[in-house]
Amino acid sequence: MRRLELYPFKHRDERTGKWVRARYKAEVPVIQRRYADWELTGAPEIRHVTPNGAAEFNPFRPSRPPARRRG
């Protein structure tokens, strides 16, 4: 099982030079590739990824069988 460590972070805006809190969490190598000046702001959110997408959330799968209608 693969382990993802997603960190909250902030980065310096290229145009204004101000620090901006990111709207998403990402792994450190992804942050390094995307931003020149960045800083981690909290503990990582750890997710365990199953191989082949087993047990993924499916919003269209019914959570239980539909109730029988009495007619």
C-alpha atoms as a PDB file:
ATOM      1  CA  MET A   1       0.000   0.000   0.000  1.00  0.00           C
ATOM      2  CA  ARG A   2       1.441   3.354  -1.049  1.00  0.00           C
ATOM      3  CA  ARG A   3       1.503   6.196   1.452  1.00  0.00           C
ATOM      4  CA  LEU A   4       0.844   9.805   0.411  1.00  0.00           C
ATOM      5  CA  GLU A   5       1.988  12.657   2.639  1.00  0.00           C
ATOM      6  CA  LEU A   6       0.129  15.804   1.624  1.00  0.00           C
ATOM      7  CA  TYR A   7       1.305  19.031   3.272  1.00  0.00           C
ATOM      8  CA  PRO A   8      -0.437  22.394   3.653  1.00  0.00           C
ATOM      9  CA  PHE A   9       1.892  25.143   2.435  1.00  0.00           C
ATOM     10  CA  LYS A  10       2.257  28.746   1.387  1.00  0.00           C
ATOM     11  CA  HIS A  11       4.194  30.230  -1.513  1.00  0.00           C
ATOM     12  CA  ARG A  12       5.338  33.624  -2.686  1.00  0.00           C
ATOM     13  CA  ASP A  13       3.252  35.091  -5.511  1.00  0.00           C
ATOM     14  CA  GLU A  14       5.418  35.869  -8.548  1.00  0.00           C
ATOM     15  CA  ARG A  15       3.650  39.115  -9.422  1.00  0.00           C
ATOM     16  CA  THR A  16       3.043  40.724  -6.049  1.00  0.00           C
ATOM     17  CA  GLY A  17       5.777  39.119  -3.949  1.00  0.00           C
ATOM     18  CA  LYS A  18       3.256  38.447  -1.160  1.00  0.00           C
ATOM     19  CA  TRP A  19       2.941  35.119   0.639  1.00  0.00           C
ATOM     20  CA  VAL A  20      -0.180  33.194  -0.395  1.00  0.00           C
ATOM     21  CA  ARG A  21      -1.652  30.216   1.447  1.00  0.00           C
ATOM     22  CA  ALA A  22      -2.245  27.384  -1.025  1.00  0.00           C
ATOM     23  CA  ARG A  23      -5.807  26.170  -1.535  1.00  0.00           C
ATOM     24  CA  TYR A  24      -4.672  22.560  -1.690  1.00  0.00           C
ATOM     25  CA  LYS A  25      -2.239  20.139  -0.046  1.00  0.00           C
ATOM     26  CA  ALA A  26       0.561  18.492  -1.998  1.00  0.00           C
ATOM     27  CA  GLU A  27       3.630  16.291  -1.658  1.00  0.00           C
ATOM     28  CA  VAL A  28       6.955  18.079  -1.130  1.00  0.00           C
ATOM     29  CA  PRO A  29       8.452  17.131  -4.553  1.00  0.00           C
ATOM     30  CA  VAL A  30       5.373  18.548  -6.291  1.00  0.00           C
ATOM     31  CA  ILE A  31       5.636  21.808  -4.340  1.00  0.00           C
ATOM     32  CA  GLN A  32       9.364  22.084  -5.136  1.00  0.00           C
ATOM     33  CA  ARG A  33       8.746  21.672  -8.878  1.00  0.00           C
ATOM     34  CA  ARG A  34       5.915  24.211  -8.956  1.00  0.00           C
ATOM     35  CA  TYR A  35       7.173  27.039  -6.726  1.00  0.00           C
ATOM     36  CA  ALA A  36      10.597  28.658  -6.288  1.00  0.00           C
ATOM     37  CA  ASP A  37       9.859  30.112  -2.828  1.00  0.00           C
ATOM     38  CA  TRP A  38       7.612  28.049  -0.527  1.00  0.00           C
ATOM     39  CA  GLU A  39       7.134  27.027   3.105  1.00  0.00           C
ATOM     40  CA  LEU A  40       5.291  24.166   4.833  1.00  0.00           C
ATOM     41  CA  THR A  41       2.640  25.420   7.261  1.00  0.00           C
ATOM     42  CA  GLY A  42       1.475  22.297   9.060  1.00  0.00           C
ATOM     43  CA  ALA A  43       1.598  18.581   9.654  1.00  0.00           C
ATOM     44  CA  PRO A  44       1.027  16.229   6.717  1.00  0.00           C
ATOM     45  CA  GLU A  45      -2.278  14.588   5.921  1.00  0.00           C
ATOM     46  CA  ILE A  46      -1.399  10.915   5.463  1.00  0.00           C
ATOM     47  CA  ARG A  47      -3.389   8.855   2.966  1.00  0.00           C
ATOM     48  CA  HIS A  48      -2.962   5.197   2.140  1.00  0.00           C
ATOM     49  CA  VAL A  49      -3.524   4.399  -1.530  1.00  0.00           C
ATOM     50  CA  THR A  50      -4.627   0.906  -2.479  1.00  0.00           C
ATOM     51  CA  PRO A  51      -3.291  -0.712  -5.658  1.00  0.00           C
ATOM     52  CA  ASN A  52      -5.573  -0.785  -8.724  1.00  0.00           C
ATOM     53  CA  GLY A  53      -8.029   1.600  -7.094  1.00  0.00           C
ATOM     54  CA  ALA A  54      -9.629  -1.114  -4.957  1.00  0.00           C
ATOM     55  CA  ALA A  55     -12.236   0.169  -2.507  1.00  0.00           C
ATOM     56  CA  GLU A  56     -12.468   3.606  -4.108  1.00  0.00           C
ATOM     57  CA  PHE A  57     -15.397   5.825  -3.288  1.00  0.00           C
ATOM     58  CA  ASN A  58     -18.158   5.657  -5.882  1.00  0.00           C
ATOM     59  CA  PRO A  59     -20.913   8.256  -5.434  1.00  0.00           C
ATOM     60  CA  PHE A  60     -23.232   6.348  -7.799  1.00  0.00           C
ATOM     61  CA  ARG A  61     -23.063   3.002  -5.991  1.00  0.00           C
ATOM     62  CA  PRO A  62     -26.044   2.574  -3.683  1.00  0.00           C
ATOM     63  CA  SER A  63     -25.059   2.230  -0.054  1.00  0.00           C
ATOM     64  CA  ARG A  64     -27.757  -0.404   0.487  1.00  0.00           C
ATOM     65  CA  PRO A  65     -30.230  -2.243  -1.718  1.00  0.00           C
ATOM     66  CA  PRO A  66     -33.272  -0.158  -2.634  1.00  0.00           C
ATOM     67  CA  ALA A  67     -36.395  -0.717  -0.552  1.00  0.00           C
ATOM     68  CA  ARG A  68     -39.121  -2.860  -2.081  1.00  0.00           C
ATOM     69  CA  ARG A  69     -42.273  -1.025  -3.043  1.00  0.00           C
ATOM     70  CA  ARG A  70     -45.565  -2.351  -1.814  1.00  0.00           C
ATOM     71  CA  GLY A  71     -48.111  -2.180  -4.462  1.00  0.00           C
END
